[in-house]
N, C-alpha and C. Protein backbone atom coordinates (compact mmCIF):
# COMPACT_ATOMS: atom_id res chain seq x y z
N MET A 1 -7.50 19.05 26.48
CA MET A 1 -8.26 17.81 26.39
C MET A 1 -9.23 17.90 25.23
N LEU A 2 -9.51 16.80 24.63
CA LEU A 2 -10.36 16.73 23.46
C LEU A 2 -11.82 16.94 23.85
N ASN A 3 -12.51 17.80 23.11
CA ASN A 3 -13.92 18.07 23.37
C ASN A 3 -14.75 16.91 22.85
N THR A 4 -15.48 16.24 23.72
CA THR A 4 -16.27 15.06 23.32
C THR A 4 -17.76 15.27 23.54
N SER A 5 -18.21 16.52 23.50
CA SER A 5 -19.64 16.77 23.72
C SER A 5 -20.44 16.25 22.52
N PRO A 6 -21.71 15.91 22.71
CA PRO A 6 -22.53 15.39 21.62
C PRO A 6 -22.65 16.38 20.45
N ALA A 7 -22.72 17.66 20.73
CA ALA A 7 -22.82 18.65 19.66
C ALA A 7 -21.55 18.66 18.81
N TRP A 8 -20.40 18.53 19.47
CA TRP A 8 -19.13 18.51 18.75
C TRP A 8 -19.04 17.28 17.86
N ARG A 9 -19.48 16.15 18.38
CA ARG A 9 -19.46 14.91 17.59
C ARG A 9 -20.36 15.02 16.37
N LEU A 10 -21.54 15.63 16.53
CA LEU A 10 -22.47 15.81 15.42
C LEU A 10 -21.85 16.71 14.35
N LYS A 11 -21.20 17.78 14.77
CA LYS A 11 -20.55 18.68 13.81
C LYS A 11 -19.46 17.94 13.05
N LEU A 12 -18.70 17.13 13.75
CA LEU A 12 -17.63 16.37 13.11
C LEU A 12 -18.19 15.37 12.11
N MET A 13 -19.24 14.66 12.49
CA MET A 13 -19.84 13.68 11.58
C MET A 13 -20.40 14.38 10.34
N LEU A 14 -21.03 15.53 10.52
CA LEU A 14 -21.57 16.26 9.37
C LEU A 14 -20.46 16.76 8.45
N ALA A 15 -19.37 17.21 9.03
CA ALA A 15 -18.24 17.67 8.23
C ALA A 15 -17.66 16.53 7.40
N VAL A 16 -17.52 15.36 8.01
CA VAL A 16 -16.98 14.20 7.29
C VAL A 16 -17.96 13.76 6.20
N LEU A 17 -19.25 13.76 6.49
CA LEU A 17 -20.25 13.39 5.50
C LEU A 17 -20.23 14.35 4.32
N CYS A 18 -20.14 15.65 4.59
CA CYS A 18 -20.09 16.63 3.51
C CYS A 18 -18.83 16.45 2.66
N ALA A 19 -17.71 16.15 3.29
CA ALA A 19 -16.47 15.94 2.55
C ALA A 19 -16.59 14.73 1.64
N HIS A 20 -17.18 13.66 2.14
CA HIS A 20 -17.34 12.46 1.32
C HIS A 20 -18.30 12.71 0.17
N MET A 21 -19.39 13.38 0.43
CA MET A 21 -20.38 13.62 -0.62
C MET A 21 -19.84 14.58 -1.67
N SER A 22 -19.07 15.58 -1.27
CA SER A 22 -18.54 16.51 -2.26
C SER A 22 -17.47 15.84 -3.11
N ALA A 23 -16.76 14.88 -2.56
CA ALA A 23 -15.74 14.17 -3.32
C ALA A 23 -16.38 13.29 -4.39
N CYS A 24 -17.57 12.78 -4.12
CA CYS A 24 -18.24 11.91 -5.08
C CYS A 24 -19.01 12.70 -6.13
N SER A 25 -19.26 13.99 -5.89
CA SER A 25 -20.13 14.75 -6.79
C SER A 25 -19.40 15.29 -8.00
N THR A 26 -18.09 15.42 -7.94
CA THR A 26 -17.38 15.99 -9.07
C THR A 26 -16.72 14.93 -9.90
N THR A 27 -16.80 15.11 -11.20
CA THR A 27 -16.08 14.22 -12.10
C THR A 27 -15.07 15.05 -12.86
N TYR A 28 -13.93 14.52 -13.05
CA TYR A 28 -12.87 15.22 -13.75
C TYR A 28 -12.65 14.56 -15.09
N ASP A 29 -13.01 15.27 -16.14
CA ASP A 29 -12.79 14.78 -17.49
C ASP A 29 -11.57 15.49 -18.06
N LEU A 30 -10.64 14.70 -18.54
CA LEU A 30 -9.46 15.28 -19.15
C LEU A 30 -9.82 15.81 -20.53
N PRO A 31 -9.27 16.95 -20.91
CA PRO A 31 -9.52 17.42 -22.26
C PRO A 31 -8.90 16.47 -23.28
N ALA A 32 -9.45 16.46 -24.46
CA ALA A 32 -8.97 15.55 -25.51
C ALA A 32 -7.51 15.80 -25.82
N SER A 33 -7.06 17.03 -25.69
CA SER A 33 -5.66 17.34 -26.01
C SER A 33 -4.70 16.70 -25.00
N ALA A 34 -5.16 16.50 -23.76
CA ALA A 34 -4.29 15.92 -22.74
C ALA A 34 -4.03 14.44 -23.00
N SER A 35 -5.02 13.73 -23.51
CA SER A 35 -4.82 12.31 -23.76
C SER A 35 -4.05 12.06 -25.05
N ALA A 36 -3.93 13.07 -25.90
CA ALA A 36 -3.23 12.89 -27.17
C ALA A 36 -1.75 13.22 -27.07
N LEU A 37 -1.29 13.67 -25.90
CA LEU A 37 0.11 14.03 -25.75
C LEU A 37 0.98 12.78 -25.80
N PRO A 38 2.09 12.85 -26.52
CA PRO A 38 2.98 11.67 -26.58
C PRO A 38 3.75 11.51 -25.27
N VAL A 39 4.01 10.27 -24.91
CA VAL A 39 4.79 9.97 -23.72
C VAL A 39 6.23 9.78 -24.15
N PRO A 40 7.14 10.61 -23.64
CA PRO A 40 8.54 10.47 -24.07
C PRO A 40 9.16 9.19 -23.53
N ALA A 41 10.11 8.68 -24.26
CA ALA A 41 10.82 7.48 -23.84
C ALA A 41 11.73 7.81 -22.66
N LEU A 42 11.96 6.80 -21.81
CA LEU A 42 12.86 6.99 -20.67
C LEU A 42 14.29 7.17 -21.17
N PRO A 43 15.07 8.00 -20.48
CA PRO A 43 16.49 8.08 -20.86
C PRO A 43 17.19 6.76 -20.53
N ARG A 44 18.28 6.52 -21.19
CA ARG A 44 18.99 5.25 -21.02
C ARG A 44 19.39 5.01 -19.57
N SER A 45 19.73 6.06 -18.84
CA SER A 45 20.16 5.91 -17.45
C SER A 45 19.00 5.52 -16.53
N ALA A 46 17.75 5.73 -16.96
CA ALA A 46 16.60 5.40 -16.13
C ALA A 46 16.04 4.02 -16.43
N ARG A 47 16.54 3.37 -17.45
CA ARG A 47 16.03 2.05 -17.82
C ARG A 47 16.70 0.95 -17.01
N GLN A 48 15.95 -0.15 -16.83
CA GLN A 48 16.54 -1.30 -16.15
C GLN A 48 17.53 -1.98 -17.08
N PRO A 49 18.61 -2.50 -16.52
CA PRO A 49 19.58 -3.18 -17.38
C PRO A 49 18.99 -4.48 -17.92
N GLU A 50 19.52 -4.89 -19.06
CA GLU A 50 19.09 -6.16 -19.64
C GLU A 50 19.48 -7.30 -18.72
N GLN A 51 18.68 -8.35 -18.73
CA GLN A 51 18.97 -9.50 -17.88
C GLN A 51 20.16 -10.26 -18.47
N PRO A 52 21.17 -10.55 -17.65
CA PRO A 52 22.34 -11.27 -18.15
C PRO A 52 21.97 -12.65 -18.69
N ALA A 53 22.76 -13.14 -19.63
CA ALA A 53 22.48 -14.43 -20.26
C ALA A 53 22.58 -15.58 -19.26
N GLN A 54 23.40 -15.44 -18.21
CA GLN A 54 23.57 -16.54 -17.26
C GLN A 54 22.40 -16.67 -16.29
N CYS A 55 21.47 -15.71 -16.26
CA CYS A 55 20.32 -15.80 -15.36
C CYS A 55 19.26 -16.73 -15.96
N LEU A 56 18.85 -17.70 -15.20
CA LEU A 56 17.83 -18.64 -15.65
C LEU A 56 16.51 -18.33 -14.95
N PRO A 57 15.39 -18.68 -15.55
CA PRO A 57 14.10 -18.46 -14.90
C PRO A 57 14.00 -19.18 -13.55
N THR A 58 14.68 -20.31 -13.41
CA THR A 58 14.62 -21.05 -12.15
C THR A 58 15.35 -20.32 -11.03
N CYS A 59 16.27 -19.42 -11.39
CA CYS A 59 17.02 -18.68 -10.38
C CYS A 59 16.08 -17.82 -9.55
N SER A 60 15.20 -17.06 -10.21
CA SER A 60 14.28 -16.21 -9.46
C SER A 60 13.24 -17.05 -8.73
N ALA A 61 12.87 -18.19 -9.29
CA ALA A 61 11.91 -19.07 -8.61
C ALA A 61 12.54 -19.63 -7.33
N ASN A 62 13.81 -20.00 -7.41
CA ASN A 62 14.51 -20.50 -6.22
C ASN A 62 14.66 -19.40 -5.17
N ALA A 63 14.94 -18.19 -5.61
CA ALA A 63 15.07 -17.08 -4.67
C ALA A 63 13.74 -16.82 -3.99
N ALA A 64 12.65 -16.88 -4.72
CA ALA A 64 11.32 -16.66 -4.14
C ALA A 64 11.01 -17.77 -3.14
N SER A 65 11.39 -19.00 -3.46
CA SER A 65 11.16 -20.12 -2.56
C SER A 65 11.98 -19.95 -1.27
N ASP A 66 13.23 -19.51 -1.41
CA ASP A 66 14.06 -19.27 -0.23
C ASP A 66 13.47 -18.17 0.65
N ASP A 67 12.97 -17.11 0.01
CA ASP A 67 12.34 -16.03 0.76
C ASP A 67 11.11 -16.54 1.52
N GLU A 68 10.31 -17.37 0.88
CA GLU A 68 9.11 -17.91 1.52
C GLU A 68 9.48 -18.80 2.70
N ASN A 69 10.49 -19.64 2.53
CA ASN A 69 10.94 -20.49 3.63
C ASN A 69 11.45 -19.66 4.81
N TRP A 70 12.20 -18.60 4.51
CA TRP A 70 12.71 -17.72 5.55
C TRP A 70 11.56 -17.03 6.28
N ARG A 71 10.56 -16.55 5.51
CA ARG A 71 9.41 -15.89 6.11
C ARG A 71 8.64 -16.86 7.01
N ASN A 72 8.46 -18.11 6.56
CA ASN A 72 7.76 -19.10 7.36
C ASN A 72 8.51 -19.41 8.66
N SER A 73 9.84 -19.48 8.57
CA SER A 73 10.61 -19.76 9.79
C SER A 73 10.49 -18.59 10.77
N LEU A 74 10.44 -17.35 10.26
CA LEU A 74 10.26 -16.20 11.14
C LEU A 74 8.88 -16.23 11.78
N MET A 75 7.88 -16.60 11.02
CA MET A 75 6.51 -16.65 11.56
C MET A 75 6.41 -17.72 12.64
N LYS A 76 7.08 -18.87 12.44
CA LYS A 76 7.07 -19.92 13.47
C LYS A 76 7.75 -19.41 14.74
N ALA A 77 8.88 -18.71 14.57
CA ALA A 77 9.59 -18.18 15.72
C ALA A 77 8.74 -17.14 16.44
N MET A 78 8.04 -16.31 15.70
CA MET A 78 7.16 -15.31 16.32
C MET A 78 6.00 -15.98 17.04
N GLY A 79 5.49 -17.08 16.48
CA GLY A 79 4.40 -17.81 17.12
C GLY A 79 4.84 -18.41 18.45
N GLN A 80 6.07 -18.91 18.50
CA GLN A 80 6.58 -19.48 19.74
C GLN A 80 6.87 -18.38 20.76
N ALA A 81 7.28 -17.22 20.29
CA ALA A 81 7.60 -16.12 21.20
C ALA A 81 6.34 -15.46 21.75
N SER A 82 5.22 -15.62 21.07
CA SER A 82 4.00 -14.94 21.51
C SER A 82 3.15 -15.82 22.42
N THR A 83 3.75 -16.77 23.11
CA THR A 83 2.99 -17.62 24.02
C THR A 83 2.71 -16.92 25.34
N VAL A 84 3.28 -15.73 25.54
CA VAL A 84 3.02 -14.97 26.76
C VAL A 84 1.59 -14.43 26.69
N LYS A 85 0.85 -14.64 27.74
CA LYS A 85 -0.53 -14.18 27.76
C LYS A 85 -0.59 -12.82 28.45
N LEU A 86 -1.14 -11.86 27.76
CA LEU A 86 -1.24 -10.52 28.29
C LEU A 86 -2.58 -10.34 28.99
N ASP A 87 -2.57 -9.71 30.14
CA ASP A 87 -3.78 -9.43 30.87
C ASP A 87 -4.26 -8.04 30.45
N THR A 88 -5.43 -7.97 29.79
CA THR A 88 -5.94 -6.69 29.29
C THR A 88 -6.95 -6.06 30.20
N THR A 89 -7.24 -6.68 31.33
CA THR A 89 -8.20 -6.09 32.27
C THR A 89 -7.48 -5.16 33.22
N ARG A 90 -8.19 -4.19 33.73
CA ARG A 90 -7.59 -3.26 34.68
C ARG A 90 -8.12 -3.49 36.06
């Protein structure tokens, strides 16, 4: 069983406070040589493919609209399903 004595709680709160304060006390400065390193280009296999010519900007807008409509219909269905009232008293 979990120890819930007042002394244990105080020790826990002090430990958490010390952890938070020590995290805020240190600053990490990168050496100048680290920021000057070049970033290599992605290999061709890791790059996203070019967008095909037949794709129109309205295509993704329509897909986003369909997703939003589907999400709204699910939310309505969930709202109707949650009409059951739960008794939280013991």
